[in-house]
C-alpha atoms as a PDB file:
ATOM      1  CA  UNK A   1      14.862  -4.892   8.931  1.00  0.00           C
ATOM      2  CA  UNK A   2      15.701  -1.863   7.366  1.00  0.00           C
ATOM      3  CA  UNK A   3      13.587   1.338   8.390  1.00  0.00           C
ATOM      4  CA  UNK A   4      11.626   2.820   4.564  1.00  0.00           C
ATOM      5  CA  UNK A   5       8.387   4.919   3.986  1.00  0.00           C
ATOM      6  CA  UNK A   6       6.476   3.740   1.096  1.00  0.00           C
ATOM      7  CA  UNK A   7       4.879   6.721  -0.585  1.00  0.00           C
ATOM      8  CA  UNK A   8       3.663   7.909  -4.064  1.00  0.00           C
ATOM      9  CA  UNK A   9       7.405   8.176  -4.602  1.00  0.00           C
ATOM     10  CA  UNK A  10       8.524   4.855  -3.595  1.00  0.00           C
ATOM     11  CA  UNK A  11       5.367   1.484  -3.647  1.00  0.00           C
ATOM     12  CA  UNK A  12       5.648  -1.686  -0.579  1.00  0.00           C
ATOM     13  CA  UNK A  13       6.397  -3.660  -4.232  1.00  0.00           C
ATOM     14  CA  UNK A  14       9.731  -1.809  -4.244  1.00  0.00           C
ATOM     15  CA  UNK A  15      10.998  -1.636  -0.827  1.00  0.00           C
ATOM     16  CA  UNK A  16      10.083  -5.614  -0.385  1.00  0.00           C
ATOM     17  CA  UNK A  17      12.071  -5.799  -3.387  1.00  0.00           C
ATOM     18  CA  UNK A  18      15.139  -4.045  -1.804  1.00  0.00           C
ATOM     19  CA  UNK A  19      14.947  -6.037   1.222  1.00  0.00           C
ATOM     20  CA  UNK A  20      15.214  -9.287  -1.245  1.00  0.00           C
ATOM     21  CA  UNK A  21      11.706 -10.101   0.333  1.00  0.00           C
ATOM     22  CA  UNK A  22       8.235 -11.184  -1.826  1.00  0.00           C
ATOM     23  CA  UNK A  23       6.028  -8.552  -0.862  1.00  0.00           C
ATOM     24  CA  UNK A  24       3.434 -10.601   0.709  1.00  0.00           C
ATOM     25  CA  UNK A  25       6.325 -11.328   2.609  1.00  0.00           C
ATOM     26  CA  UNK A  26       6.729  -8.008   3.257  1.00  0.00           C
ATOM     27  CA  UNK A  27       3.401  -7.692   3.689  1.00  0.00           C
ATOM     28  CA  UNK A  28       3.317 -10.641   7.178  1.00  0.00           C
ATOM     29  CA  UNK A  29       6.622  -8.573   8.804  1.00  0.00           C
ATOM     30  CA  UNK A  30       4.872  -5.504   8.834  1.00  0.00           C
ATOM     31  CA  UNK A  31       1.722  -7.016  10.123  1.00  0.00           C
ATOM     32  CA  UNK A  32       3.744  -9.324  12.825  1.00  0.00           C
ATOM     33  CA  UNK A  33       5.077  -6.092  14.146  1.00  0.00           C
ATOM     34  CA  UNK A  34       1.888  -4.501  14.310  1.00  0.00           C
ATOM     35  CA  UNK A  35       3.431  -1.551  11.626  1.00  0.00           C
ATOM     36  CA  UNK A  36       0.285   0.372  10.416  1.00  0.00           C
ATOM     37  CA  UNK A  37      -0.051   0.907   6.983  1.00  0.00           C
ATOM     38  CA  UNK A  38      -1.809   3.634   5.302  1.00  0.00           C
ATOM     39  CA  UNK A  39      -4.070   2.244   2.291  1.00  0.00           C
ATOM     40  CA  UNK A  40      -7.198   3.550   0.405  1.00  0.00           C
ATOM     41  CA  UNK A  41      -8.364   7.001   0.535  1.00  0.00           C
ATOM     42  CA  UNK A  42      -8.101   9.439   3.834  1.00  0.00           C
ATOM     43  CA  UNK A  43     -11.056  11.079   3.261  1.00  0.00           C
ATOM     44  CA  UNK A  44     -14.580  10.795   1.767  1.00  0.00           C
ATOM     45  CA  UNK A  45     -13.986  12.609  -1.108  1.00  0.00           C
ATOM     46  CA  UNK A  46     -11.070  10.674  -2.103  1.00  0.00           C
ATOM     47  CA  UNK A  47     -13.250   7.289  -1.264  1.00  0.00           C
ATOM     48  CA  UNK A  48     -16.092   8.456  -3.619  1.00  0.00           C
ATOM     49  CA  UNK A  49     -13.687  10.147  -6.544  1.00  0.00           C
ATOM     50  CA  UNK A  50     -12.058   5.894  -6.167  1.00  0.00           C
ATOM     51  CA  UNK A  51     -15.273   3.937  -6.767  1.00  0.00           C
ATOM     52  CA  UNK A  52     -16.422   6.932  -9.502  1.00  0.00           C
ATOM     53  CA  UNK A  53     -13.105   5.431 -11.330  1.00  0.00           C
ATOM     54  CA  UNK A  54     -14.050   2.061 -10.293  1.00  0.00           C
ATOM     55  CA  UNK A  55     -17.594   2.120 -12.043  1.00  0.00           C
ATOM     56  CA  UNK A  56     -16.166   3.269 -14.715  1.00  0.00           C
ATOM     57  CA  UNK A  57     -14.097   0.342 -15.432  1.00  0.00           C
ATOM     58  CA  UNK A  58     -16.822  -1.711 -14.143  1.00  0.00           C
ATOM     59  CA  UNK A  59     -18.619  -1.434 -17.875  1.00  0.00           C
END
């Protein structure tokens, strides 16, 4: 598998597409290879901002 890093510039979906895989297949490969993914907020402040956005959309 080619080495690529997901960032704000390229998503896991785009990485999967470039490798000719479905998103789920890429995730399975990453998990079985024990490659850690950095999803979600990196700190409490980011988490609170995300939660605020979700609450706005829930209304």
